[in-house]
PDB file of N, CA and C in Angstrom:
ATOM      1  N   MET A   1    -102.487 -42.568  77.467  1.00  0.00           N
ATOM      2  CA  MET A   1    -102.718 -41.832  76.235  1.00  0.00           C
ATOM      3  C   MET A   1    -101.826 -42.409  75.128  1.00  0.00           C
ATOM      4  N   GLU A   2    -102.445 -42.953  74.128  1.00  0.00           N
ATOM      5  CA  GLU A   2    -101.705 -43.521  72.998  1.00  0.00           C
ATOM      6  C   GLU A   2    -101.336 -42.409  72.021  1.00  0.00           C
ATOM      7  N   LEU A   3    -100.091 -42.398  71.590  1.00  0.00           N
ATOM      8  CA  LEU A   3     -99.626 -41.390  70.655  1.00  0.00           C
ATOM      9  C   LEU A   3     -99.997 -41.772  69.233  1.00  0.00           C
ATOM     10  N   ARG A   4    -100.307 -40.778  68.430  1.00  0.00           N
ATOM     11  CA  ARG A   4    -100.608 -40.994  67.011  1.00  0.00           C
ATOM     12  C   ARG A   4     -99.405 -40.508  66.205  1.00  0.00           C
ATOM     13  N   TRP A   5     -98.573 -41.435  65.796  1.00  0.00           N
ATOM     14  CA  TRP A   5     -97.377 -41.099  65.034  1.00  0.00           C
ATOM     15  C   TRP A   5     -97.740 -40.893  63.569  1.00  0.00           C
ATOM     16  N   ARG A   6     -97.170 -39.851  62.967  1.00  0.00           N
ATOM     17  CA  ARG A   6     -97.418 -39.532  61.562  1.00  0.00           C
ATOM     18  C   ARG A   6     -96.088 -39.365  60.845  1.00  0.00           C
ATOM     19  N   LYS A   7     -96.094 -39.635  59.553  1.00  0.00           N
ATOM     20  CA  LYS A   7     -94.903 -39.382  58.740  1.00  0.00           C
ATOM     21  C   LYS A   7     -95.328 -38.660  57.473  1.00  0.00           C
ATOM     22  N   SER A   8     -94.377 -38.050  56.829  1.00  0.00           N
ATOM     23  CA  SER A   8     -94.643 -37.288  55.620  1.00  0.00           C
ATOM     24  C   SER A   8     -95.105 -38.193  54.485  1.00  0.00           C
ATOM     25  N   SER A   9     -95.995 -37.681  53.680  1.00  0.00           N
ATOM     26  CA  SER A   9     -96.417 -38.429  52.489  1.00  0.00           C
ATOM     27  C   SER A   9     -95.277 -38.510  51.471  1.00  0.00           C
ATOM     28  N   PHE A  10     -94.220 -37.728  51.668  1.00  0.00           N
ATOM     29  CA  PHE A  10     -93.058 -37.772  50.782  1.00  0.00           C
ATOM     30  C   PHE A  10     -92.095 -38.888  51.163  1.00  0.00           C
ATOM     31  N   SER A  11     -92.306 -39.505  52.319  1.00  0.00           N
ATOM     32  CA  SER A  11     -91.431 -40.592  52.774  1.00  0.00           C
ATOM     33  C   SER A  11     -91.660 -41.832  51.927  1.00  0.00           C
ATOM     34  N   ALA A  12     -90.579 -42.477  51.615  1.00  0.00           N
ATOM     35  CA  ALA A  12     -90.681 -43.741  50.883  1.00  0.00           C
ATOM     36  C   ALA A  12     -91.128 -44.837  51.845  1.00  0.00           C
ATOM     37  N   ASP A  13     -91.595 -45.928  51.330  1.00  0.00           N
ATOM     38  CA  ASP A  13     -92.034 -47.047  52.163  1.00  0.00           C
ATOM     39  C   ASP A  13     -90.871 -47.953  52.553  1.00  0.00           C
ATOM     40  N   THR A  14     -89.727 -47.354  52.836  1.00  0.00           N
ATOM     41  CA  THR A  14     -88.549 -48.135  53.208  1.00  0.00           C
ATOM     42  C   THR A  14     -88.490 -48.387  54.706  1.00  0.00           C
ATOM     43  N   GLY A  15     -89.328 -47.702  55.473  1.00  0.00           N
ATOM     44  CA  GLY A  15     -89.314 -47.845  56.921  1.00  0.00           C
ATOM     45  C   GLY A  15     -88.294 -46.945  57.586  1.00  0.00           C
ATOM     46  N   ALA A  16     -87.553 -46.179  56.810  1.00  0.00           N
ATOM     47  CA  ALA A  16     -86.547 -45.268  57.361  1.00  0.00           C
ATOM     48  C   ALA A  16     -87.000 -43.828  57.149  1.00  0.00           C
ATOM     49  N   CYS A  17     -87.816 -43.334  58.057  1.00  0.00           N
ATOM     50  CA  CYS A  17     -88.314 -41.978  57.923  1.00  0.00           C
ATOM     51  C   CYS A  17     -88.492 -41.361  59.312  1.00  0.00           C
ATOM     52  N   ILE A  18     -88.719 -40.073  59.335  1.00  0.00           N
ATOM     53  CA  ILE A  18     -88.961 -39.361  60.584  1.00  0.00           C
ATOM     54  C   ILE A  18     -90.471 -39.345  60.823  1.00  0.00           C
ATOM     55  N   GLU A  19     -90.857 -39.646  62.053  1.00  0.00           N
ATOM     56  CA  GLU A  19     -92.267 -39.622  62.436  1.00  0.00           C
ATOM     57  C   GLU A  19     -92.459 -38.571  63.518  1.00  0.00           C
ATOM     58  N   VAL A  20     -93.637 -37.962  63.561  1.00  0.00           N
ATOM     59  CA  VAL A  20     -93.947 -36.952  64.570  1.00  0.00           C
ATOM     60  C   VAL A  20     -95.241 -37.311  65.276  1.00  0.00           C
ATOM     61  N   ALA A  21     -95.355 -36.859  66.520  1.00  0.00           N
ATOM     62  CA  ALA A  21     -96.583 -37.038  67.303  1.00  0.00           C
ATOM     63  C   ALA A  21     -96.707 -35.839  68.231  1.00  0.00           C
ATOM     64  N   GLU A  22     -97.920 -35.604  68.709  1.00  0.00           N
ATOM     65  CA  GLU A  22     -98.180 -34.526  69.652  1.00  0.00           C
ATOM     66  C   GLU A  22     -98.419 -35.109  71.034  1.00  0.00           C
ATOM     67  N   LYS A  23     -97.901 -34.408  72.045  1.00  0.00           N
ATOM     68  CA  LYS A  23     -98.160 -34.795  73.432  1.00  0.00           C
ATOM     69  C   LYS A  23     -98.215 -33.512  74.254  1.00  0.00           C
ATOM     70  N   GLY A  24     -99.414 -33.065  74.530  1.00  0.00           N
ATOM     71  CA  GLY A  24     -99.582 -31.806  75.253  1.00  0.00           C
ATOM     72  C   GLY A  24     -99.015 -30.642  74.464  1.00  0.00           C
ATOM     73  N   ASP A  25     -98.148 -29.881  75.102  1.00  0.00           N
ATOM     74  CA  ASP A  25     -97.529 -28.726  74.449  1.00  0.00           C
ATOM     75  C   ASP A  25     -96.293 -29.086  73.646  1.00  0.00           C
ATOM     76  N   PHE A  26     -95.977 -30.354  73.571  1.00  0.00           N
ATOM     77  CA  PHE A  26     -94.746 -30.795  72.924  1.00  0.00           C
ATOM     78  C   PHE A  26     -95.006 -31.537  71.627  1.00  0.00           C
ATOM     79  N   VAL A  27     -93.982 -31.537  70.772  1.00  0.00           N
ATOM     80  CA  VAL A  27     -93.964 -32.340  69.563  1.00  0.00           C
ATOM     81  C   VAL A  27     -92.857 -33.366  69.754  1.00  0.00           C
ATOM     82  N   LEU A  28     -93.156 -34.619  69.458  1.00  0.00           N
ATOM     83  CA  LEU A  28     -92.190 -35.705  69.589  1.00  0.00           C
ATOM     84  C   LEU A  28     -91.737 -36.134  68.204  1.00  0.00           C
ATOM     85  N   LEU A  29     -90.462 -36.455  68.066  1.00  0.00           N
ATOM     86  CA  LEU A  29     -89.908 -36.919  66.801  1.00  0.00           C
ATOM     87  C   LEU A  29     -89.145 -38.210  67.036  1.00  0.00           C
ATOM     88  N   ARG A  30     -89.212 -39.099  66.071  1.00  0.00           N
ATOM     89  CA  ARG A  30     -88.450 -40.349  66.145  1.00  0.00           C
ATOM     90  C   ARG A  30     -88.173 -40.852  64.732  1.00  0.00           C
ATOM     91  N   GLU A  31     -87.205 -41.733  64.618  1.00  0.00           N
ATOM     92  CA  GLU A  31     -86.938 -42.411  63.357  1.00  0.00           C
ATOM     93  C   GLU A  31     -87.726 -43.714  63.367  1.00  0.00           C
ATOM     94  N   SER A  32     -88.371 -44.022  62.272  1.00  0.00           N
ATOM     95  CA  SER A  32     -89.222 -45.212  62.237  1.00  0.00           C
ATOM     96  C   SER A  32     -88.434 -46.501  62.435  1.00  0.00           C
ATOM     97  N   ASP A  33     -87.156 -46.496  62.061  1.00  0.00           N
ATOM     98  CA  ASP A  33     -86.361 -47.717  62.219  1.00  0.00           C
ATOM     99  C   ASP A  33     -85.694 -47.813  63.598  1.00  0.00           C
ATOM    100  N   GLU A  34     -85.877 -46.790  64.450  1.00  0.00           N
ATOM    101  CA  GLU A  34     -85.385 -46.815  65.822  1.00  0.00           C
ATOM    102  C   GLU A  34     -86.414 -46.131  66.731  1.00  0.00           C
ATOM    103  N   PRO A  35     -87.604 -46.708  66.855  1.00  0.00           N
ATOM    104  CA  PRO A  35     -88.732 -46.030  67.505  1.00  0.00           C
ATOM    105  C   PRO A  35     -88.589 -45.791  69.004  1.00  0.00           C
ATOM    106  N   ASP A  36     -87.615 -46.412  69.650  1.00  0.00           N
ATOM    107  CA  ASP A  36     -87.449 -46.201  71.091  1.00  0.00           C
ATOM    108  C   ASP A  36     -86.690 -44.914  71.416  1.00  0.00           C
ATOM    109  N   VAL A  37     -86.048 -44.312  70.415  1.00  0.00           N
ATOM    110  CA  VAL A  37     -85.310 -43.063  70.615  1.00  0.00           C
ATOM    111  C   VAL A  37     -86.236 -41.917  70.195  1.00  0.00           C
ATOM    112  N   ILE A  38     -86.665 -41.128  71.172  1.00  0.00           N
ATOM    113  CA  ILE A  38     -87.636 -40.065  70.919  1.00  0.00           C
ATOM    114  C   ILE A  38     -87.051 -38.730  71.348  1.00  0.00           C
ATOM    115  N   VAL A  39     -87.170 -37.738  70.481  1.00  0.00           N
ATOM    116  CA  VAL A  39     -86.750 -36.375  70.773  1.00  0.00           C
ATOM    117  C   VAL A  39     -88.009 -35.564  71.034  1.00  0.00           C
ATOM    118  N   ARG A  40     -87.961 -34.769  72.103  1.00  0.00           N
ATOM    119  CA  ARG A  40     -89.109 -33.926  72.461  1.00  0.00           C
ATOM    120  C   ARG A  40     -88.707 -32.470  72.306  1.00  0.00           C
ATOM    121  N   THR A  41     -89.575 -31.667  71.688  1.00  0.00           N
ATOM    122  CA  THR A  41     -89.312 -30.236  71.539  1.00  0.00           C
ATOM    123  C   THR A  41     -90.620 -29.468  71.660  1.00  0.00           C
ATOM    124  N   MET A  42     -90.485 -28.182  71.841  1.00  0.00           N
ATOM    125  CA  MET A  42     -91.668 -27.326  71.921  1.00  0.00           C
ATOM    126  C   MET A  42     -92.070 -26.902  70.511  1.00  0.00           C
ATOM    127  N   ARG A  43     -93.345 -26.631  70.343  1.00  0.00           N
ATOM    128  CA  ARG A  43     -93.860 -26.251  69.013  1.00  0.00           C
ATOM    129  C   ARG A  43     -93.111 -25.055  68.432  1.00  0.00           C
ATOM    130  N   ARG A  44     -92.865 -24.037  69.235  1.00  0.00           N
ATOM    131  CA  ARG A  44     -92.208 -22.827  68.714  1.00  0.00           C
ATOM    132  C   ARG A  44     -90.788 -23.119  68.229  1.00  0.00           C
ATOM    133  N   LYS A  45     -90.109 -24.041  68.893  1.00  0.00           N
ATOM    134  CA  LYS A  45     -88.762 -24.410  68.463  1.00  0.00           C
ATOM    135  C   LYS A  45     -88.797 -25.219  67.171  1.00  0.00           C
ATOM    136  N   LEU A  46     -89.759 -26.118  67.062  1.00  0.00           N
ATOM    137  CA  LEU A  46     -89.906 -26.884  65.824  1.00  0.00           C
ATOM    138  C   LEU A  46     -90.280 -25.952  64.678  1.00  0.00           C
ATOM    139  N   ARG A  47     -91.160 -24.996  64.948  1.00  0.00           N
ATOM    140  CA  ARG A  47     -91.558 -24.033  63.909  1.00  0.00           C
ATOM    141  C   ARG A  47     -90.342 -23.253  63.410  1.00  0.00           C
ATOM    142  N   ALA A  48     -89.478 -22.797  64.329  1.00  0.00           N
ATOM    143  CA  ALA A  48     -88.279 -22.050  63.926  1.00  0.00           C
ATOM    144  C   ALA A  48     -87.359 -22.931  63.089  1.00  0.00           C
ATOM    145  N   PHE A  49     -87.199 -24.189  63.482  1.00  0.00           N
ATOM    146  CA  PHE A  49     -86.360 -25.103  62.705  1.00  0.00           C
ATOM    147  C   PHE A  49     -86.938 -25.311  61.306  1.00  0.00           C
ATOM    148  N   LEU A  50     -88.241 -25.554  61.212  1.00  0.00           N
ATOM    149  CA  LEU A  50     -88.868 -25.789  59.907  1.00  0.00           C
ATOM    150  C   LEU A  50     -88.770 -24.563  59.008  1.00  0.00           C
ATOM    151  N   GLU A  51     -88.916 -23.385  59.585  1.00  0.00           N
ATOM    152  CA  GLU A  51     -88.772 -22.169  58.791  1.00  0.00           C
ATOM    153  C   GLU A  51     -87.353 -22.063  58.237  1.00  0.00           C
ATOM    154  N   GLY A  52     -86.362 -22.403  59.059  1.00  0.00           N
ATOM    155  CA  GLY A  52     -84.981 -22.398  58.583  1.00  0.00           C
ATOM    156  C   GLY A  52     -84.744 -23.428  57.506  1.00  0.00           C
ATOM    157  N   ALA A  53     -85.321 -24.620  57.685  1.00  0.00           N
ATOM    158  CA  ALA A  53     -85.167 -25.667  56.681  1.00  0.00           C
ATOM    159  C   ALA A  53     -85.807 -25.264  55.355  1.00  0.00           C
ATOM    160  N   LYS A  54     -86.977 -24.652  55.424  1.00  0.00           N
ATOM    161  CA  LYS A  54     -87.651 -24.199  54.198  1.00  0.00           C
ATOM    162  C   LYS A  54     -86.840 -23.104  53.495  1.00  0.00           C
ATOM    163  N   ALA A  55     -86.117 -22.313  54.284  1.00  0.00           N
ATOM    164  CA  ALA A  55     -85.304 -21.231  53.718  1.00  0.00           C
ATOM    165  C   ALA A  55     -83.954 -21.724  53.197  1.00  0.00           C
ATOM    166  N   GLY A  56     -83.671 -23.024  53.390  1.00  0.00           N
ATOM    167  CA  GLY A  56     -82.444 -23.597  52.859  1.00  0.00           C
ATOM    168  C   GLY A  56     -81.253 -23.526  53.787  1.00  0.00           C
ATOM    169  N   GLU A  57     -81.468 -23.161  55.065  1.00  0.00           N
ATOM    170  CA  GLU A  57     -80.356 -23.011  55.995  1.00  0.00           C
ATOM    171  C   GLU A  57     -79.586 -24.298  56.258  1.00  0.00           C
ATOM    172  N   PHE A  58     -80.197 -25.444  56.015  1.00  0.00           N
ATOM    173  CA  PHE A  58     -79.554 -26.720  56.325  1.00  0.00           C
ATOM    174  C   PHE A  58     -79.303 -27.569  55.083  1.00  0.00           C
ATOM    175  N   ASP A  59     -79.411 -26.970  53.920  1.00  0.00           N
ATOM    176  CA  ASP A  59     -79.249 -27.719  52.670  1.00  0.00           C
ATOM    177  C   ASP A  59     -77.875 -28.392  52.563  1.00  0.00           C
ATOM    178  N   ASP A  60     -76.863 -27.838  53.214  1.00  0.00           N
ATOM    179  CA  ASP A  60     -75.528 -28.419  53.130  1.00  0.00           C
ATOM    180  C   ASP A  60     -75.439 -29.741  53.890  1.00  0.00           C
ATOM    181  N   LEU A  61     -76.431 -30.059  54.708  1.00  0.00           N
ATOM    182  CA  LEU A  61     -76.430 -31.301  55.487  1.00  0.00           C
ATOM    183  C   LEU A  61     -77.074 -32.466  54.735  1.00  0.00           C
ATOM    184  N   ALA A  62     -77.781 -32.178  53.672  1.00  0.00           N
ATOM    185  CA  ALA A  62     -78.498 -33.233  52.935  1.00  0.00           C
ATOM    186  C   ALA A  62     -77.717 -33.687  51.727  1.00  0.00           C
TER     187      ALA A  62
END
């Protein structure tokens, strides 16, 4: 099964962005400039993280 990696349309064409793919019940994340390092998480956990990010919980990290 070949993975379909996607990145945000907000990413610049610098090659340094976060990419996501789906694999069964999991969401995979990787950095485009280091594609061999893959983080796997469950959809509900990613959803909770994204909700926190949208609410500004991690703004101090950027």
